[in-house]
N, C-alpha and C. Protein backbone atom coordinates (compact mmCIF):
# COMPACT_ATOMS: atom_id res chain seq x y z
N GLU A 1 0.86 -1.18 0.00
CA GLU A 1 0.00 0.00 0.00
C GLU A 1 0.90 1.23 0.00
N THR A 2 0.70 2.12 -0.94
CA THR A 2 1.47 3.34 -1.02
C THR A 2 0.52 4.52 -1.00
N SER A 3 0.80 5.48 -0.13
CA SER A 3 -0.05 6.67 -0.08
C SER A 3 0.83 7.90 -0.02
N VAL A 4 0.37 8.98 -0.59
CA VAL A 4 1.09 10.24 -0.57
C VAL A 4 0.24 11.23 0.20
N SER A 5 0.83 11.87 1.19
CA SER A 5 0.08 12.87 1.97
C SER A 5 0.84 14.19 1.95
N SER A 6 0.12 15.25 2.18
CA SER A 6 0.74 16.57 2.20
C SER A 6 0.41 17.23 3.53
N GLU A 7 1.44 17.81 4.21
CA GLU A 7 1.25 18.49 5.49
C GLU A 7 1.59 19.95 5.33
N THR A 8 0.77 20.81 5.88
CA THR A 8 1.15 22.21 6.00
C THR A 8 0.76 22.66 7.39
N GLN A 9 1.59 23.53 7.95
CA GLN A 9 1.34 23.95 9.32
C GLN A 9 1.79 25.38 9.49
N GLY A 10 0.92 26.22 10.02
CA GLY A 10 1.29 27.61 10.29
C GLY A 10 1.87 28.26 9.06
N THR A 11 3.09 28.74 9.20
CA THR A 11 3.74 29.43 8.09
C THR A 11 4.74 28.54 7.38
N SER A 12 4.79 27.25 7.72
CA SER A 12 5.79 26.39 7.09
C SER A 12 5.40 26.07 5.66
N VAL A 13 6.40 25.68 4.91
CA VAL A 13 6.19 25.31 3.52
C VAL A 13 5.69 23.88 3.50
N GLY A 14 4.76 23.56 2.59
CA GLY A 14 4.20 22.21 2.52
C GLY A 14 5.28 21.17 2.33
N ARG A 15 5.08 20.00 2.91
CA ARG A 15 6.05 18.92 2.81
C ARG A 15 5.28 17.68 2.41
N GLU A 16 5.71 17.07 1.35
CA GLU A 16 5.04 15.84 0.93
C GLU A 16 5.88 14.66 1.37
N THR A 17 5.21 13.62 1.83
CA THR A 17 5.92 12.40 2.19
C THR A 17 5.25 11.23 1.51
N GLN A 18 6.04 10.26 1.19
CA GLN A 18 5.49 9.05 0.63
C GLN A 18 5.70 7.97 1.67
N GLN A 19 4.63 7.31 2.05
CA GLN A 19 4.69 6.30 3.08
C GLN A 19 4.40 4.95 2.45
N THR A 20 5.32 4.02 2.64
CA THR A 20 5.14 2.70 2.08
C THR A 20 5.11 1.71 3.24
N SER A 21 4.04 0.94 3.33
CA SER A 21 3.92 -0.03 4.41
C SER A 21 4.20 -1.43 3.87
N VAL A 22 5.12 -2.12 4.52
CA VAL A 22 5.42 -3.50 4.17
C VAL A 22 5.35 -4.29 5.46
N GLY A 23 4.36 -5.15 5.58
CA GLY A 23 4.17 -5.89 6.83
C GLY A 23 3.92 -4.93 7.96
N SER A 24 4.74 -5.00 9.01
CA SER A 24 4.55 -4.11 10.15
C SER A 24 5.51 -2.92 10.11
N GLU A 25 6.35 -2.85 9.07
CA GLU A 25 7.29 -1.74 8.98
C GLU A 25 6.75 -0.66 8.07
N THR A 26 6.97 0.57 8.45
CA THR A 26 6.55 1.70 7.64
C THR A 26 7.78 2.52 7.29
N GLN A 27 7.94 2.81 6.02
CA GLN A 27 9.09 3.60 5.58
C GLN A 27 8.56 4.93 5.05
N GLU A 28 9.16 6.03 5.49
CA GLU A 28 8.71 7.34 5.05
C GLU A 28 9.86 8.04 4.35
N THR A 29 9.61 8.53 3.14
CA THR A 29 10.64 9.25 2.41
C THR A 29 10.09 10.58 1.94
N SER A 30 10.94 11.59 1.91
CA SER A 30 10.50 12.91 1.46
C SER A 30 10.35 12.92 -0.05
N VAL A 31 9.32 13.60 -0.50
CA VAL A 31 9.06 13.73 -1.92
C VAL A 31 8.86 15.22 -2.21
N GLY A 32 9.57 15.76 -3.15
CA GLY A 32 9.35 17.15 -3.56
C GLY A 32 9.67 18.17 -2.50
N ASN A 33 10.68 17.92 -1.68
CA ASN A 33 11.05 18.89 -0.65
C ASN A 33 12.34 19.61 -1.04
N GLU A 34 12.65 19.60 -2.32
CA GLU A 34 13.87 20.23 -2.80
C GLU A 34 13.65 21.72 -3.03
N THR A 35 14.69 22.50 -2.81
CA THR A 35 14.62 23.92 -3.08
C THR A 35 15.38 24.21 -4.36
N SER A 36 15.16 25.37 -4.95
CA SER A 36 15.81 25.69 -6.21
C SER A 36 17.33 25.66 -6.04
N VAL A 37 18.00 25.05 -6.96
CA VAL A 37 19.46 24.91 -7.01
C VAL A 37 19.99 24.25 -5.72
N GLY A 38 19.17 23.49 -5.03
CA GLY A 38 19.58 22.74 -3.85
C GLY A 38 20.19 23.62 -2.77
N SER A 39 19.64 24.80 -2.55
CA SER A 39 20.18 25.76 -1.59
C SER A 39 20.12 25.20 -0.17
N GLU A 40 21.31 24.98 0.43
CA GLU A 40 21.37 24.43 1.78
C GLU A 40 20.84 25.39 2.82
N THR A 41 21.09 26.70 2.66
CA THR A 41 20.62 27.67 3.65
C THR A 41 19.11 27.72 3.69
N GLN A 42 18.45 27.60 2.54
CA GLN A 42 16.99 27.60 2.50
C GLN A 42 16.44 26.39 3.26
N GLN A 43 17.01 25.23 3.01
CA GLN A 43 16.56 24.03 3.70
C GLN A 43 16.79 24.16 5.20
N THR A 44 17.93 24.72 5.60
CA THR A 44 18.23 24.91 7.01
C THR A 44 17.21 25.85 7.64
N GLN A 45 16.85 26.93 6.95
CA GLN A 45 15.85 27.86 7.47
C GLN A 45 14.51 27.16 7.67
N GLU A 46 14.12 26.33 6.71
CA GLU A 46 12.86 25.59 6.84
C GLU A 46 12.90 24.68 8.06
N GLU A 47 14.05 24.04 8.27
CA GLU A 47 14.18 23.15 9.42
C GLU A 47 14.12 23.94 10.73
N ILE A 48 14.76 25.10 10.75
CA ILE A 48 14.73 25.95 11.96
C ILE A 48 13.31 26.40 12.24
N VAL A 49 12.60 26.83 11.21
CA VAL A 49 11.20 27.28 11.38
C VAL A 49 10.36 26.13 11.91
N ARG A 50 10.53 24.93 11.34
CA ARG A 50 9.77 23.77 11.83
C ARG A 50 10.11 23.49 13.29
N GLY A 51 11.38 23.63 13.66
CA GLY A 51 11.80 23.42 15.04
C GLY A 51 11.13 24.41 15.98
N VAL A 52 11.11 25.69 15.58
CA VAL A 52 10.47 26.72 16.39
C VAL A 52 8.99 26.40 16.55
N GLN A 53 8.35 25.97 15.48
CA GLN A 53 6.93 25.63 15.54
C GLN A 53 6.68 24.44 16.47
N CYS A 54 7.60 23.50 16.49
CA CYS A 54 7.48 22.37 17.41
C CYS A 54 7.60 22.84 18.87
N TYR A 55 8.55 23.75 19.11
CA TYR A 55 8.68 24.32 20.45
C TYR A 55 7.41 25.07 20.85
N GLN A 56 6.81 25.79 19.89
CA GLN A 56 5.57 26.51 20.18
C GLN A 56 4.46 25.54 20.55
N LYS A 57 4.39 24.42 19.84
CA LYS A 57 3.37 23.40 20.17
C LYS A 57 3.62 22.83 21.56
N SER A 58 4.89 22.64 21.88
CA SER A 58 5.24 22.13 23.20
C SER A 58 4.82 23.10 24.29
N LEU A 59 5.06 24.39 24.05
CA LEU A 59 4.62 25.42 25.00
C LEU A 59 3.11 25.40 25.16
N ALA A 60 2.41 25.31 24.04
CA ALA A 60 0.94 25.27 24.08
C ALA A 60 0.45 24.05 24.88
N ALA A 61 1.15 22.93 24.72
CA ALA A 61 0.77 21.72 25.46
C ALA A 61 1.01 21.90 26.96
N GLN A 62 2.07 22.62 27.31
CA GLN A 62 2.39 22.85 28.73
C GLN A 62 1.38 23.79 29.38
N ILE A 63 1.00 24.86 28.68
CA ILE A 63 0.14 25.87 29.29
C ILE A 63 -1.33 25.68 28.96
N GLY A 64 -1.65 24.62 28.25
CA GLY A 64 -3.03 24.34 27.89
C GLY A 64 -3.91 23.89 29.05
N PRO A 65 -3.44 22.92 29.84
CA PRO A 65 -4.29 22.42 30.92
C PRO A 65 -4.58 23.47 31.98
N ARG A 66 -5.79 23.45 32.47
CA ARG A 66 -6.22 24.39 33.51
C ARG A 66 -5.42 24.19 34.80
N GLY A 67 -4.97 25.28 35.40
CA GLY A 67 -4.27 25.20 36.68
C GLY A 67 -2.78 24.90 36.59
N TRP A 68 -2.20 24.88 35.39
CA TRP A 68 -0.78 24.57 35.23
C TRP A 68 0.10 25.53 36.04
N GLU A 69 -0.35 26.79 36.17
CA GLU A 69 0.47 27.83 36.82
C GLU A 69 0.60 27.61 38.32
N ARG A 70 -0.18 26.72 38.88
CA ARG A 70 -0.09 26.44 40.32
C ARG A 70 0.90 25.31 40.63
N ARG A 71 1.38 24.64 39.58
CA ARG A 71 2.36 23.56 39.78
C ARG A 71 3.76 24.10 39.49
N GLU A 72 4.59 24.15 40.53
CA GLU A 72 5.94 24.72 40.41
C GLU A 72 6.76 24.03 39.32
N GLU A 73 6.69 22.71 39.26
CA GLU A 73 7.46 21.96 38.26
C GLU A 73 7.08 22.38 36.84
N THR A 74 5.80 22.52 36.58
CA THR A 74 5.33 22.93 35.25
C THR A 74 5.79 24.36 34.95
N CYS A 75 5.75 25.23 35.95
CA CYS A 75 6.20 26.61 35.76
C CYS A 75 7.68 26.63 35.37
N LEU A 76 8.49 25.82 36.04
CA LEU A 76 9.91 25.76 35.71
C LEU A 76 10.12 25.25 34.28
N GLU A 77 9.33 24.27 33.87
CA GLU A 77 9.43 23.74 32.51
C GLU A 77 9.03 24.81 31.49
N VAL A 78 7.98 25.55 31.78
CA VAL A 78 7.51 26.61 30.88
C VAL A 78 8.58 27.70 30.75
N ILE A 79 9.20 28.07 31.86
CA ILE A 79 10.25 29.08 31.84
C ILE A 79 11.43 28.60 31.00
N SER A 80 11.84 27.37 31.23
CA SER A 80 12.97 26.80 30.49
C SER A 80 12.65 26.74 28.99
N LEU A 81 11.47 26.27 28.66
CA LEU A 81 11.05 26.18 27.27
C LEU A 81 10.97 27.57 26.63
N GLY A 82 10.48 28.55 27.39
CA GLY A 82 10.40 29.92 26.89
C GLY A 82 11.76 30.49 26.55
N LEU A 83 12.74 30.22 27.39
CA LEU A 83 14.10 30.71 27.14
C LEU A 83 14.69 30.06 25.88
N VAL A 84 14.46 28.77 25.74
CA VAL A 84 14.94 28.07 24.53
C VAL A 84 14.26 28.63 23.29
N LEU A 85 12.95 28.81 23.36
CA LEU A 85 12.18 29.34 22.24
C LEU A 85 12.72 30.69 21.78
N MET A 86 12.97 31.58 22.73
CA MET A 86 13.44 32.92 22.38
C MET A 86 14.85 32.87 21.78
N ASP A 87 15.64 31.90 22.21
CA ASP A 87 16.98 31.73 21.65
C ASP A 87 16.90 31.21 20.21
N VAL A 88 16.08 30.20 20.00
CA VAL A 88 15.98 29.56 18.69
C VAL A 88 15.33 30.47 17.65
N VAL A 89 14.34 31.29 18.04
CA VAL A 89 13.65 32.13 17.07
C VAL A 89 14.59 33.18 16.47
N ARG A 90 15.66 33.52 17.18
CA ARG A 90 16.63 34.49 16.65
C ARG A 90 17.42 33.92 15.48
N LYS A 91 17.38 32.61 15.30
CA LYS A 91 18.08 31.98 14.17
C LYS A 91 17.25 31.99 12.90
N VAL A 92 15.97 32.33 13.03
CA VAL A 92 15.09 32.43 11.86
C VAL A 92 15.38 33.76 11.17
N GLU A 93 15.28 33.79 9.86
CA GLU A 93 15.56 35.01 9.11
C GLU A 93 14.33 35.46 8.34
N GLY A 94 14.29 36.74 8.05
CA GLY A 94 13.25 37.29 7.18
C GLY A 94 11.93 37.52 7.89
N VAL A 95 10.88 37.54 7.07
CA VAL A 95 9.53 37.84 7.56
C VAL A 95 9.08 36.83 8.61
N GLN A 96 9.49 35.59 8.45
CA GLN A 96 9.07 34.56 9.40
C GLN A 96 9.59 34.84 10.80
N GLU A 97 10.77 35.47 10.91
CA GLU A 97 11.29 35.79 12.24
C GLU A 97 10.34 36.73 12.96
N LEU A 98 9.87 37.75 12.27
CA LEU A 98 8.94 38.71 12.87
C LEU A 98 7.64 38.03 13.28
N GLN A 99 7.09 37.21 12.40
CA GLN A 99 5.83 36.51 12.69
C GLN A 99 5.98 35.60 13.90
N LEU A 100 7.01 34.76 13.89
CA LEU A 100 7.20 33.80 14.97
C LEU A 100 7.55 34.51 16.28
N ALA A 101 8.43 35.51 16.21
CA ALA A 101 8.83 36.23 17.41
C ALA A 101 7.64 36.94 18.06
N SER A 102 6.78 37.53 17.24
CA SER A 102 5.60 38.22 17.77
C SER A 102 4.67 37.24 18.47
N SER A 103 4.45 36.09 17.86
CA SER A 103 3.60 35.06 18.44
C SER A 103 4.18 34.54 19.76
N ILE A 104 5.48 34.31 19.76
CA ILE A 104 6.16 33.80 20.95
C ILE A 104 6.09 34.83 22.08
N ARG A 105 6.32 36.10 21.75
CA ARG A 105 6.28 37.16 22.75
C ARG A 105 4.91 37.21 23.42
N LEU A 106 3.87 37.12 22.62
CA LEU A 106 2.51 37.14 23.14
C LEU A 106 2.25 35.96 24.09
N SER A 107 2.62 34.78 23.65
CA SER A 107 2.42 33.57 24.47
C SER A 107 3.20 33.63 25.77
N LEU A 108 4.46 34.05 25.68
CA LEU A 108 5.31 34.05 26.87
C LEU A 108 4.98 35.17 27.85
N SER A 109 4.57 36.33 27.33
CA SER A 109 4.20 37.39 28.28
C SER A 109 2.95 36.99 29.05
N SER A 110 2.05 36.29 28.39
CA SER A 110 0.87 35.76 29.06
C SER A 110 1.25 34.69 30.09
N ALA A 111 2.18 33.82 29.70
CA ALA A 111 2.63 32.75 30.61
C ALA A 111 3.30 33.35 31.85
N VAL A 112 4.10 34.39 31.67
CA VAL A 112 4.78 35.04 32.82
C VAL A 112 3.74 35.57 33.80
N LYS A 113 2.71 36.24 33.28
CA LYS A 113 1.66 36.77 34.15
C LYS A 113 0.95 35.65 34.91
N MET A 114 0.68 34.56 34.21
CA MET A 114 0.00 33.41 34.85
C MET A 114 0.88 32.82 35.95
N ILE A 115 2.18 32.69 35.69
CA ILE A 115 3.11 32.14 36.69
C ILE A 115 3.14 33.04 37.91
N GLU A 116 3.23 34.34 37.67
CA GLU A 116 3.26 35.29 38.80
C GLU A 116 1.98 35.19 39.63
N GLN A 117 0.84 35.08 38.98
CA GLN A 117 -0.41 34.96 39.71
C GLN A 117 -0.51 33.64 40.45
N GLY A 118 -0.12 32.55 39.79
CA GLY A 118 -0.26 31.22 40.37
C GLY A 118 0.75 30.89 41.43
N GLN A 119 1.93 31.54 41.40
CA GLN A 119 3.00 31.17 42.32
C GLN A 119 3.29 32.22 43.39
N THR A 120 2.52 33.29 43.42
CA THR A 120 2.70 34.30 44.46
C THR A 120 1.87 33.91 45.68
N SER A 121 2.52 33.85 46.82
CA SER A 121 1.86 33.48 48.06
C SER A 121 0.85 34.55 48.47
N VAL A 122 -0.34 34.11 48.83
CA VAL A 122 -1.39 35.03 49.26
C VAL A 122 -0.98 35.71 50.57
N GLU A 123 -0.35 34.93 51.47
CA GLU A 123 0.05 35.46 52.77
C GLU A 123 1.17 36.49 52.67
N SER A 124 2.26 36.12 51.99
CA SER A 124 3.44 36.98 51.96
C SER A 124 3.49 37.92 50.76
N GLY A 125 2.79 37.58 49.70
CA GLY A 125 2.85 38.38 48.48
C GLY A 125 4.12 38.16 47.70
N LEU A 126 4.87 37.10 48.07
CA LEU A 126 6.14 36.79 47.41
C LEU A 126 6.08 35.47 46.68
N MET A 127 6.98 35.34 45.70
CA MET A 127 7.11 34.09 44.96
C MET A 127 8.26 33.28 45.57
N VAL A 128 8.26 31.98 45.34
CA VAL A 128 9.38 31.15 45.77
C VAL A 128 10.64 31.75 45.14
N GLU A 129 11.72 31.87 45.91
CA GLU A 129 12.91 32.59 45.46
C GLU A 129 13.47 32.08 44.13
N VAL A 130 13.64 30.76 44.02
CA VAL A 130 14.20 30.18 42.78
C VAL A 130 13.31 30.51 41.59
N LEU A 131 12.03 30.37 41.78
CA LEU A 131 11.09 30.64 40.70
C LEU A 131 11.08 32.12 40.36
N GLY A 132 11.14 32.97 41.37
CA GLY A 132 11.15 34.42 41.15
C GLY A 132 12.33 34.86 40.32
N GLU A 133 13.52 34.28 40.60
CA GLU A 133 14.72 34.61 39.84
C GLU A 133 14.58 34.18 38.38
N LYS A 134 14.04 33.00 38.18
CA LYS A 134 13.88 32.48 36.81
C LYS A 134 12.84 33.29 36.04
N VAL A 135 11.76 33.69 36.71
CA VAL A 135 10.74 34.53 36.06
C VAL A 135 11.35 35.86 35.66
N GLU A 136 12.18 36.43 36.54
CA GLU A 136 12.84 37.70 36.23
C GLU A 136 13.76 37.55 35.03
N HIS A 137 14.50 36.45 34.96
CA HIS A 137 15.38 36.18 33.81
C HIS A 137 14.56 36.06 32.53
N LEU A 138 13.42 35.38 32.62
CA LEU A 138 12.54 35.23 31.46
C LEU A 138 12.01 36.61 31.03
N ARG A 139 11.64 37.44 32.00
CA ARG A 139 11.15 38.81 31.69
C ARG A 139 12.22 39.62 30.95
N GLU A 140 13.47 39.54 31.44
CA GLU A 140 14.56 40.27 30.81
C GLU A 140 14.79 39.79 29.37
N THR A 141 14.76 38.48 29.18
CA THR A 141 14.95 37.92 27.84
C THR A 141 13.78 38.31 26.94
N LEU A 142 12.60 38.35 27.51
CA LEU A 142 11.40 38.78 26.78
C LEU A 142 11.52 40.24 26.34
N ALA A 143 12.11 41.06 27.19
CA ALA A 143 12.34 42.47 26.83
C ALA A 143 13.29 42.56 25.64
N GLY A 144 14.31 41.70 25.63
CA GLY A 144 15.23 41.65 24.48
C GLY A 144 14.53 41.24 23.21
N LEU A 145 13.61 40.28 23.33
CA LEU A 145 12.84 39.84 22.16
C LEU A 145 11.94 40.97 21.67
N THR A 146 11.36 41.71 22.59
CA THR A 146 10.51 42.84 22.22
C THR A 146 11.32 43.89 21.46
N GLU A 147 12.55 44.15 21.90
CA GLU A 147 13.43 45.08 21.20
C GLU A 147 13.72 44.58 19.78
N ARG A 148 13.98 43.28 19.66
CA ARG A 148 14.27 42.69 18.34
C ARG A 148 13.06 42.83 17.42
N ILE A 149 11.87 42.62 17.95
CA ILE A 149 10.64 42.77 17.15
C ILE A 149 10.51 44.21 16.67
N THR A 150 10.80 45.16 17.54
CA THR A 150 10.76 46.58 17.18
C THR A 150 11.74 46.88 16.05
N GLN A 151 12.94 46.30 16.14
CA GLN A 151 13.94 46.48 15.08
C GLN A 151 13.45 45.89 13.76
N LEU A 152 12.88 44.71 13.83
CA LEU A 152 12.39 44.05 12.61
C LEU A 152 11.27 44.86 11.95
N ARG A 153 10.39 45.41 12.78
CA ARG A 153 9.29 46.21 12.23
C ARG A 153 9.80 47.49 11.60
N ALA A 154 10.87 48.06 12.17
CA ALA A 154 11.44 49.29 11.64
C ALA A 154 12.17 49.06 10.31
N GLY A 155 12.56 47.81 10.08
CA GLY A 155 13.23 47.49 8.82
C GLY A 155 14.65 47.40 9.06
């Protein structure tokens, strides 16, 4: 049985795969994923964009369930993932960098607010020290991303 499927996601370029099933093994090969003149940088950019989109999905999965901000472990994972996301998105070039960076900034600024609300003690008005430091680091990195977005918009 041979089937050809096409995937498109967000701003990524469509990717066709051919899947061949033989017994219990499935083999998947890329079809038509070549760029003009076999440009390696173009393919690398597509891979980076796909990677950023996967990180975005991971973030969405972390912050999707109700009450995630009240679990310290999840908050630490979200902070860590946010820092990685902001680092990786800087490797994207062109219009896609602006689109992805803007989306990431929106998601992460919302996540920071949720963490602050969920992890601030009602009695003391303070956050756990380790978490507070990491949130502050995330805020600073987010400010850098905001500056980069401003630069990209200015041209």
